[in-house]
Amino acid sequence: MSTGGILQSWKEISAHVGRTERTLQRWERGFGFPVHRPAGKPRSAVAAVVSEIERWMAATPALHDMRQTAKPGIPPAQSGSDLDPGEALALSNRRYGDPTGLAPCQVRLAAIVQEHSILCSNMRDLIAEQRKLREEHRLRRGELHDRMHALASG
């Protein structure tokens, strides 16, 4: 049960914000939603200050707008829903304002492609350096062989 301006569980915070507990947990991880964990551990109990939540919601306009504007025809998420996974994904994407559902995926994909490009470039450089070292080793080994042969016949 909340005491004044303090909410003491995900359920209370969820009721105050008007979003599911899972959404709030995602906002905590991805957007810095203001919750406090008295035990200091990532999976421990939570508490939140109403004024901090209101300040955070006001400073995060896209999320604030989603809270204020209910989307007509989109029912709240239900566990055990009889929607197939594709319909559930489309519904979730519409509910959170991304009609295609691709925005987060595109951002992550762009980061992965950039990292892949850098790794490939580094790998090409390492392969070229390895070839150069192998050629240098082959030449020095030949020189050493020739010197040993000269000394033996000498």
N, C-alpha and C. Protein backbone atom coordinates (compact mmCIF):
# COMPACT_ATOMS: atom_id res chain seq x y z
N MET A 1 0.84 -1.19 0.00
CA MET A 1 0.00 0.00 0.00
C MET A 1 0.88 1.24 0.00
N SER A 2 0.52 2.24 -0.80
CA SER A 2 1.37 3.42 -0.91
C SER A 2 1.21 4.33 0.29
N THR A 3 2.27 5.05 0.58
CA THR A 3 2.28 5.99 1.69
C THR A 3 2.53 7.36 1.11
N GLY A 4 1.50 8.22 1.04
CA GLY A 4 1.66 9.56 0.49
C GLY A 4 2.12 9.52 -0.95
N GLY A 5 3.30 10.06 -1.23
CA GLY A 5 3.81 10.14 -2.59
C GLY A 5 4.75 9.02 -2.95
N ILE A 6 4.70 7.91 -2.22
CA ILE A 6 5.60 6.80 -2.49
C ILE A 6 4.78 5.57 -2.90
N LEU A 7 5.17 4.99 -4.02
CA LEU A 7 4.54 3.76 -4.50
C LEU A 7 5.50 2.62 -4.19
N GLN A 8 4.97 1.53 -3.62
CA GLN A 8 5.87 0.52 -3.06
C GLN A 8 5.90 -0.81 -3.81
N SER A 9 5.36 -0.88 -5.00
CA SER A 9 5.44 -2.13 -5.76
C SER A 9 5.22 -1.82 -7.24
N TRP A 10 5.60 -2.79 -8.08
CA TRP A 10 5.35 -2.62 -9.51
C TRP A 10 3.87 -2.46 -9.77
N LYS A 11 3.04 -3.17 -9.01
CA LYS A 11 1.59 -3.10 -9.19
C LYS A 11 1.07 -1.69 -8.92
N GLU A 12 1.52 -1.07 -7.85
CA GLU A 12 1.10 0.29 -7.53
C GLU A 12 1.61 1.29 -8.56
N ILE A 13 2.86 1.12 -8.96
CA ILE A 13 3.44 2.02 -9.96
C ILE A 13 2.68 1.87 -11.27
N SER A 14 2.38 0.65 -11.64
CA SER A 14 1.64 0.36 -12.87
C SER A 14 0.28 1.02 -12.86
N ALA A 15 -0.44 0.90 -11.75
CA ALA A 15 -1.76 1.51 -11.63
C ALA A 15 -1.67 3.03 -11.74
N HIS A 16 -0.64 3.62 -11.16
CA HIS A 16 -0.47 5.07 -11.20
C HIS A 16 -0.17 5.56 -12.62
N VAL A 17 0.72 4.87 -13.32
CA VAL A 17 1.16 5.31 -14.65
C VAL A 17 0.16 4.88 -15.73
N GLY A 18 -0.56 3.79 -15.49
CA GLY A 18 -1.51 3.32 -16.49
C GLY A 18 -0.87 2.43 -17.53
N ARG A 19 0.20 1.77 -17.17
CA ARG A 19 0.90 0.84 -18.05
C ARG A 19 1.13 -0.46 -17.30
N THR A 20 1.44 -1.52 -18.05
CA THR A 20 1.67 -2.81 -17.40
C THR A 20 3.00 -2.80 -16.65
N GLU A 21 3.13 -3.72 -15.72
CA GLU A 21 4.37 -3.84 -14.96
C GLU A 21 5.54 -4.12 -15.88
N ARG A 22 5.33 -4.98 -16.86
CA ARG A 22 6.41 -5.34 -17.79
C ARG A 22 6.87 -4.13 -18.60
N THR A 23 5.91 -3.30 -19.02
CA THR A 23 6.27 -2.08 -19.76
C THR A 23 7.13 -1.18 -18.90
N LEU A 24 6.73 -1.01 -17.65
CA LEU A 24 7.51 -0.16 -16.74
C LEU A 24 8.91 -0.71 -16.52
N GLN A 25 9.02 -2.02 -16.42
CA GLN A 25 10.34 -2.63 -16.26
C GLN A 25 11.19 -2.41 -17.51
N ARG A 26 10.56 -2.46 -18.68
CA ARG A 26 11.27 -2.18 -19.93
C ARG A 26 11.69 -0.71 -19.96
N TRP A 27 10.81 0.18 -19.52
CA TRP A 27 11.15 1.61 -19.47
C TRP A 27 12.30 1.84 -18.49
N GLU A 28 12.32 1.09 -17.39
CA GLU A 28 13.41 1.24 -16.43
C GLU A 28 14.74 0.89 -17.09
N ARG A 29 14.78 -0.25 -17.79
CA ARG A 29 16.02 -0.68 -18.44
C ARG A 29 16.39 0.23 -19.60
N GLY A 30 15.42 0.57 -20.44
CA GLY A 30 15.74 1.27 -21.68
C GLY A 30 15.72 2.77 -21.61
N PHE A 31 14.91 3.34 -20.71
CA PHE A 31 14.73 4.78 -20.71
C PHE A 31 14.99 5.44 -19.36
N GLY A 32 15.42 4.66 -18.37
CA GLY A 32 15.74 5.24 -17.07
C GLY A 32 14.53 5.62 -16.24
N PHE A 33 13.44 4.86 -16.36
CA PHE A 33 12.25 5.12 -15.55
C PHE A 33 12.66 5.14 -14.08
N PRO A 34 12.21 6.17 -13.31
CA PRO A 34 12.73 6.38 -11.95
C PRO A 34 12.12 5.45 -10.90
N VAL A 35 12.76 4.35 -10.65
CA VAL A 35 12.38 3.48 -9.53
C VAL A 35 13.61 3.30 -8.64
N HIS A 36 13.34 3.01 -7.41
CA HIS A 36 14.42 2.81 -6.44
C HIS A 36 14.34 1.38 -5.93
N ARG A 37 15.48 0.78 -5.71
CA ARG A 37 15.54 -0.58 -5.19
C ARG A 37 16.24 -0.52 -3.83
N PRO A 38 15.44 -0.55 -2.77
CA PRO A 38 16.03 -0.40 -1.42
C PRO A 38 17.13 -1.41 -1.12
N ALA A 39 17.00 -2.62 -1.62
CA ALA A 39 18.04 -3.63 -1.36
C ALA A 39 19.27 -3.42 -2.25
N GLY A 40 19.13 -2.57 -3.27
CA GLY A 40 20.26 -2.27 -4.15
C GLY A 40 20.59 -3.34 -5.16
N LYS A 41 19.75 -4.35 -5.28
CA LYS A 41 20.00 -5.44 -6.23
C LYS A 41 19.07 -5.29 -7.42
N PRO A 42 19.52 -5.71 -8.61
CA PRO A 42 18.73 -5.51 -9.83
C PRO A 42 17.35 -6.17 -9.81
N ARG A 43 17.19 -7.28 -9.12
CA ARG A 43 15.90 -7.99 -9.14
C ARG A 43 15.18 -7.91 -7.79
N SER A 44 15.46 -6.86 -7.02
CA SER A 44 14.84 -6.74 -5.70
C SER A 44 13.56 -5.91 -5.79
N ALA A 45 12.91 -5.74 -4.65
CA ALA A 45 11.68 -4.96 -4.56
C ALA A 45 11.94 -3.52 -5.01
N VAL A 46 10.87 -2.85 -5.45
CA VAL A 46 11.01 -1.48 -5.94
C VAL A 46 10.12 -0.53 -5.16
N ALA A 47 10.50 0.72 -5.23
CA ALA A 47 9.69 1.81 -4.70
C ALA A 47 9.87 2.98 -5.66
N ALA A 48 8.87 3.84 -5.72
CA ALA A 48 8.97 5.00 -6.60
C ALA A 48 8.31 6.20 -5.93
N VAL A 49 8.85 7.37 -6.23
CA VAL A 49 8.29 8.61 -5.72
C VAL A 49 7.42 9.20 -6.81
N VAL A 50 6.16 9.51 -6.48
CA VAL A 50 5.20 9.99 -7.47
C VAL A 50 5.72 11.24 -8.18
N SER A 51 6.31 12.18 -7.44
CA SER A 51 6.79 13.42 -8.07
C SER A 51 7.91 13.13 -9.07
N GLU A 52 8.77 12.15 -8.77
CA GLU A 52 9.83 11.78 -9.72
C GLU A 52 9.24 11.18 -10.99
N ILE A 53 8.22 10.34 -10.82
CA ILE A 53 7.56 9.73 -11.98
C ILE A 53 6.93 10.81 -12.84
N GLU A 54 6.20 11.74 -12.21
CA GLU A 54 5.55 12.81 -12.96
C GLU A 54 6.56 13.68 -13.69
N ARG A 55 7.68 13.99 -13.02
CA ARG A 55 8.74 14.78 -13.64
C ARG A 55 9.33 14.02 -14.83
N TRP A 56 9.56 12.71 -14.66
CA TRP A 56 10.13 11.89 -15.74
C TRP A 56 9.16 11.81 -16.91
N MET A 57 7.87 11.61 -16.61
CA MET A 57 6.87 11.52 -17.68
C MET A 57 6.80 12.85 -18.46
N ALA A 58 6.87 13.97 -17.74
CA ALA A 58 6.82 15.27 -18.41
C ALA A 58 8.06 15.50 -19.26
N ALA A 59 9.20 14.97 -18.82
CA ALA A 59 10.45 15.16 -19.57
C ALA A 59 10.60 14.16 -20.71
N THR A 60 9.69 13.20 -20.79
CA THR A 60 9.73 12.19 -21.84
C THR A 60 8.44 12.30 -22.63
N PRO A 61 8.33 13.30 -23.52
CA PRO A 61 7.06 13.62 -24.17
C PRO A 61 6.42 12.46 -24.93
N ALA A 62 7.20 11.66 -25.63
CA ALA A 62 6.60 10.58 -26.42
C ALA A 62 5.89 9.60 -25.50
N LEU A 63 6.49 9.26 -24.38
CA LEU A 63 5.87 8.33 -23.45
C LEU A 63 4.70 9.00 -22.74
N HIS A 64 4.82 10.28 -22.45
CA HIS A 64 3.73 11.02 -21.80
C HIS A 64 2.52 11.06 -22.72
N ASP A 65 2.74 11.31 -24.02
CA ASP A 65 1.64 11.33 -24.98
C ASP A 65 0.96 9.98 -25.06
N MET A 66 1.74 8.90 -25.02
CA MET A 66 1.15 7.56 -25.09
C MET A 66 0.27 7.32 -23.87
N ARG A 67 0.65 7.87 -22.73
CA ARG A 67 -0.15 7.68 -21.52
C ARG A 67 -1.45 8.45 -21.62
N GLN A 68 -1.41 9.66 -22.19
CA GLN A 68 -2.58 10.52 -22.24
C GLN A 68 -3.57 10.10 -23.32
N THR A 69 -3.08 9.52 -24.40
CA THR A 69 -3.96 9.19 -25.52
C THR A 69 -4.15 7.70 -25.62
N ALA A 70 -5.32 7.25 -25.26
CA ALA A 70 -5.61 5.83 -25.43
C ALA A 70 -5.92 5.60 -26.89
N LYS A 71 -5.41 4.55 -27.44
CA LYS A 71 -5.64 4.24 -28.84
C LYS A 71 -6.96 3.50 -28.96
N PRO A 72 -7.92 4.03 -29.71
CA PRO A 72 -9.21 3.36 -29.83
C PRO A 72 -9.07 2.03 -30.55
N GLY A 73 -9.83 1.06 -30.08
CA GLY A 73 -9.85 -0.24 -30.74
C GLY A 73 -8.69 -1.14 -30.39
N ILE A 74 -7.81 -0.70 -29.49
CA ILE A 74 -6.68 -1.54 -29.10
C ILE A 74 -6.89 -1.94 -27.65
N PRO A 75 -7.25 -3.19 -27.42
CA PRO A 75 -7.51 -3.64 -26.05
C PRO A 75 -6.22 -3.73 -25.25
N PRO A 76 -6.32 -3.66 -23.92
CA PRO A 76 -5.10 -3.83 -23.13
C PRO A 76 -4.54 -5.22 -23.30
N ALA A 77 -3.23 -5.34 -23.06
CA ALA A 77 -2.57 -6.65 -23.22
C ALA A 77 -3.14 -7.62 -22.20
N GLN A 78 -3.33 -8.86 -22.63
CA GLN A 78 -3.84 -9.88 -21.73
C GLN A 78 -2.91 -11.07 -21.80
N SER A 79 -2.64 -11.66 -20.64
CA SER A 79 -1.85 -12.87 -20.68
C SER A 79 -2.77 -14.00 -21.10
N GLY A 80 -2.24 -14.95 -21.83
CA GLY A 80 -3.06 -16.05 -22.30
C GLY A 80 -3.97 -15.64 -23.44
N SER A 81 -3.63 -14.56 -24.13
CA SER A 81 -4.45 -14.09 -25.24
C SER A 81 -4.50 -15.15 -26.32
N ASP A 82 -5.61 -15.17 -27.07
CA ASP A 82 -5.73 -16.16 -28.13
C ASP A 82 -5.26 -15.60 -29.47
N LEU A 83 -4.50 -14.49 -29.45
CA LEU A 83 -3.92 -13.96 -30.68
C LEU A 83 -2.73 -14.81 -31.09
N ASP A 84 -2.53 -14.94 -32.41
CA ASP A 84 -1.31 -15.62 -32.84
C ASP A 84 -0.15 -14.66 -32.66
N PRO A 85 1.10 -15.14 -32.64
CA PRO A 85 2.25 -14.27 -32.35
C PRO A 85 2.36 -13.07 -33.28
N GLY A 86 2.05 -13.24 -34.55
CA GLY A 86 2.13 -12.12 -35.49
C GLY A 86 1.13 -11.02 -35.16
N GLU A 87 -0.11 -11.42 -34.84
CA GLU A 87 -1.13 -10.44 -34.46
C GLU A 87 -0.75 -9.75 -33.16
N ALA A 88 -0.22 -10.52 -32.21
CA ALA A 88 0.17 -9.95 -30.92
C ALA A 88 1.28 -8.92 -31.11
N LEU A 89 2.25 -9.21 -31.99
CA LEU A 89 3.33 -8.26 -32.26
C LEU A 89 2.80 -7.00 -32.91
N ALA A 90 1.93 -7.16 -33.89
CA ALA A 90 1.35 -5.99 -34.57
C ALA A 90 0.55 -5.14 -33.59
N LEU A 91 -0.22 -5.78 -32.72
CA LEU A 91 -1.01 -5.06 -31.72
C LEU A 91 -0.10 -4.31 -30.76
N SER A 92 0.95 -4.97 -30.30
CA SER A 92 1.90 -4.34 -29.40
C SER A 92 2.57 -3.14 -30.06
N ASN A 93 2.95 -3.29 -31.32
CA ASN A 93 3.62 -2.19 -32.03
C ASN A 93 2.69 -1.01 -32.20
N ARG A 94 1.43 -1.24 -32.53
CA ARG A 94 0.47 -0.13 -32.65
C ARG A 94 0.26 0.53 -31.30
N ARG A 95 0.17 -0.27 -30.25
CA ARG A 95 -0.07 0.27 -28.91
C ARG A 95 1.06 1.21 -28.50
N TYR A 96 2.29 0.89 -28.87
CA TYR A 96 3.43 1.70 -28.43
C TYR A 96 3.87 2.69 -29.49
N GLY A 97 3.05 2.94 -30.50
CA GLY A 97 3.29 4.02 -31.43
C GLY A 97 4.22 3.72 -32.58
N ASP A 98 4.60 2.49 -32.80
CA ASP A 98 5.46 2.14 -33.93
C ASP A 98 4.67 1.21 -34.83
N PRO A 99 4.04 1.76 -35.89
CA PRO A 99 3.15 0.93 -36.70
C PRO A 99 3.85 -0.24 -37.39
N THR A 100 5.12 -0.11 -37.66
CA THR A 100 5.82 -1.20 -38.34
C THR A 100 6.51 -2.13 -37.36
N GLY A 101 6.84 -1.63 -36.19
CA GLY A 101 7.56 -2.43 -35.21
C GLY A 101 9.04 -2.57 -35.54
N LEU A 102 9.51 -1.82 -36.52
CA LEU A 102 10.88 -2.00 -36.97
C LEU A 102 11.87 -1.00 -36.39
N ALA A 103 11.39 0.09 -35.81
CA ALA A 103 12.31 1.14 -35.35
C ALA A 103 13.40 0.61 -34.42
N PRO A 104 13.07 -0.09 -33.33
CA PRO A 104 14.14 -0.57 -32.46
C PRO A 104 15.03 -1.59 -33.17
N CYS A 105 14.43 -2.41 -34.01
CA CYS A 105 15.21 -3.41 -34.74
C CYS A 105 16.16 -2.75 -35.73
N GLN A 106 15.69 -1.69 -36.40
CA GLN A 106 16.53 -1.01 -37.37
C GLN A 106 17.72 -0.34 -36.70
N VAL A 107 17.49 0.25 -35.53
CA VAL A 107 18.58 0.89 -34.80
C VAL A 107 19.62 -0.16 -34.39
N ARG A 108 19.15 -1.28 -33.84
CA ARG A 108 20.06 -2.34 -33.42
C ARG A 108 20.79 -2.95 -34.62
N LEU A 109 20.05 -3.15 -35.72
CA LEU A 109 20.65 -3.71 -36.92
C LEU A 109 21.74 -2.77 -37.46
N ALA A 110 21.48 -1.47 -37.47
CA ALA A 110 22.48 -0.51 -37.95
C ALA A 110 23.75 -0.59 -37.09
N ALA A 111 23.58 -0.72 -35.78
CA ALA A 111 24.74 -0.84 -34.89
C ALA A 111 25.50 -2.13 -35.17
N ILE A 112 24.77 -3.21 -35.40
CA ILE A 112 25.41 -4.50 -35.68
C ILE A 112 26.16 -4.45 -37.01
N VAL A 113 25.54 -3.83 -38.03
CA VAL A 113 26.19 -3.73 -39.34
C VAL A 113 27.46 -2.89 -39.23
N GLN A 114 27.40 -1.79 -38.49
CA GLN A 114 28.58 -0.95 -38.32
C GLN A 114 29.69 -1.73 -37.60
N GLU A 115 29.32 -2.44 -36.53
CA GLU A 115 30.31 -3.23 -35.80
C GLU A 115 30.90 -4.32 -36.70
N HIS A 116 30.06 -4.96 -37.49
CA HIS A 116 30.51 -6.00 -38.42
C HIS A 116 31.50 -5.42 -39.42
N SER A 117 31.19 -4.24 -39.94
CA SER A 117 32.06 -3.59 -40.91
C SER A 117 33.44 -3.31 -40.31
N ILE A 118 33.44 -2.82 -39.08
CA ILE A 118 34.71 -2.53 -38.40
C ILE A 118 35.50 -3.82 -38.16
N LEU A 119 34.80 -4.86 -37.72
CA LEU A 119 35.47 -6.14 -37.48
C LEU A 119 36.04 -6.73 -38.76
N CYS A 120 35.29 -6.62 -39.87
CA CYS A 120 35.79 -7.13 -41.16
C CYS A 120 37.03 -6.36 -41.60
N SER A 121 37.00 -5.05 -41.43
CA SER A 121 38.16 -4.24 -41.78
C SER A 121 39.37 -4.64 -40.94
N ASN A 122 39.16 -4.81 -39.64
CA ASN A 122 40.25 -5.24 -38.76
C ASN A 122 40.77 -6.61 -39.17
N MET A 123 39.86 -7.51 -39.52
CA MET A 123 40.26 -8.86 -39.93
C MET A 123 41.08 -8.80 -41.22
N ARG A 124 40.67 -7.98 -42.18
CA ARG A 124 41.44 -7.84 -43.42
C ARG A 124 42.85 -7.33 -43.12
N ASP A 125 42.96 -6.35 -42.23
CA ASP A 125 44.27 -5.83 -41.86
C ASP A 125 45.14 -6.91 -41.22
N LEU A 126 44.52 -7.70 -40.32
CA LEU A 126 45.27 -8.77 -39.66
C LEU A 126 45.72 -9.84 -40.65
N ILE A 127 44.87 -10.18 -41.60
CA ILE A 127 45.22 -11.19 -42.60
C ILE A 127 46.38 -10.68 -43.47
N ALA A 128 46.31 -9.39 -43.86
CA ALA A 128 47.39 -8.82 -44.67
C ALA A 128 48.71 -8.83 -43.89
N GLU A 129 48.64 -8.48 -42.60
CA GLU A 129 49.84 -8.48 -41.77
C GLU A 129 50.38 -9.91 -41.61
N GLN A 130 49.49 -10.88 -41.45
CA GLN A 130 49.91 -12.27 -41.32
C GLN A 130 50.61 -12.74 -42.60
N ARG A 131 50.07 -12.39 -43.76
CA ARG A 131 50.71 -12.77 -45.03
C ARG A 131 52.10 -12.15 -45.14
N LYS A 132 52.19 -10.88 -44.76
CA LYS A 132 53.48 -10.19 -44.81
C LYS A 132 54.49 -10.89 -43.90
N LEU A 133 54.07 -11.24 -42.68
CA LEU A 133 54.98 -11.90 -41.74
C LEU A 133 55.38 -13.29 -42.24
N ARG A 134 54.42 -14.01 -42.83
CA ARG A 134 54.76 -15.33 -43.37
C ARG A 134 55.77 -15.22 -44.50
N GLU A 135 55.60 -14.23 -45.38
CA GLU A 135 56.55 -14.04 -46.48
C GLU A 135 57.93 -13.68 -45.93
N GLU A 136 57.96 -12.78 -44.94
CA GLU A 136 59.23 -12.40 -44.32
C GLU A 136 59.88 -13.62 -43.67
N HIS A 137 59.11 -14.45 -42.99
CA HIS A 137 59.62 -15.67 -42.37
C HIS A 137 60.17 -16.61 -43.43
N ARG A 138 59.46 -16.76 -44.54
CA ARG A 138 59.91 -17.65 -45.62
C ARG A 138 61.25 -17.18 -46.19
N LEU A 139 61.38 -15.84 -46.40
CA LEU A 139 62.63 -15.29 -46.94
C LEU A 139 63.78 -15.50 -45.96
N ARG A 140 63.58 -15.22 -44.69
CA ARG A 140 64.65 -15.38 -43.69
C ARG A 140 65.04 -16.84 -43.53
N ARG A 141 64.06 -17.71 -43.62
CA ARG A 141 64.36 -19.14 -43.53
C ARG A 141 65.21 -19.59 -44.72
N GLY A 142 64.90 -19.04 -45.90
CA GLY A 142 65.71 -19.34 -47.09
C GLY A 142 67.13 -18.83 -46.93
N GLU A 143 67.26 -17.58 -46.39
CA GLU A 143 68.59 -17.02 -46.16
C GLU A 143 69.38 -17.89 -45.18
N LEU A 144 68.71 -18.30 -44.10
CA LEU A 144 69.36 -19.14 -43.10
C LEU A 144 69.78 -20.48 -43.72
N HIS A 145 68.93 -21.04 -44.54
CA HIS A 145 69.25 -22.29 -45.21
C HIS A 145 70.47 -22.14 -46.09
N ASP A 146 70.51 -21.01 -46.85
CA ASP A 146 71.65 -20.77 -47.74
C ASP A 146 72.94 -20.60 -46.93
N ARG A 147 72.90 -19.88 -45.81
CA ARG A 147 74.10 -19.67 -44.97
C ARG A 147 74.57 -21.01 -44.40
N MET A 148 73.62 -21.81 -43.91
CA MET A 148 73.99 -23.13 -43.35
C MET A 148 74.63 -24.01 -44.43
N HIS A 149 74.10 -23.95 -45.62
CA HIS A 149 74.64 -24.73 -46.73
C HIS A 149 76.06 -24.25 -47.09
N ALA A 150 76.25 -22.93 -47.08
CA ALA A 150 77.57 -22.35 -47.39
C ALA A 150 78.59 -22.75 -46.33
N LEU A 151 78.19 -22.72 -45.07
CA LEU A 151 79.10 -23.10 -43.99
C LEU A 151 79.45 -24.58 -44.05
N ALA A 152 78.49 -25.39 -44.39
CA ALA A 152 78.73 -26.85 -44.45
C ALA A 152 79.63 -27.23 -45.62
N SER A 153 79.50 -26.51 -46.72
CA SER A 153 80.32 -26.85 -47.88
C SER A 153 81.66 -26.11 -47.87
N GLY A 154 81.78 -25.13 -47.07
CA GLY A 154 82.84 -24.35 -46.98
C GLY A 154 84.16 -24.06 -46.80
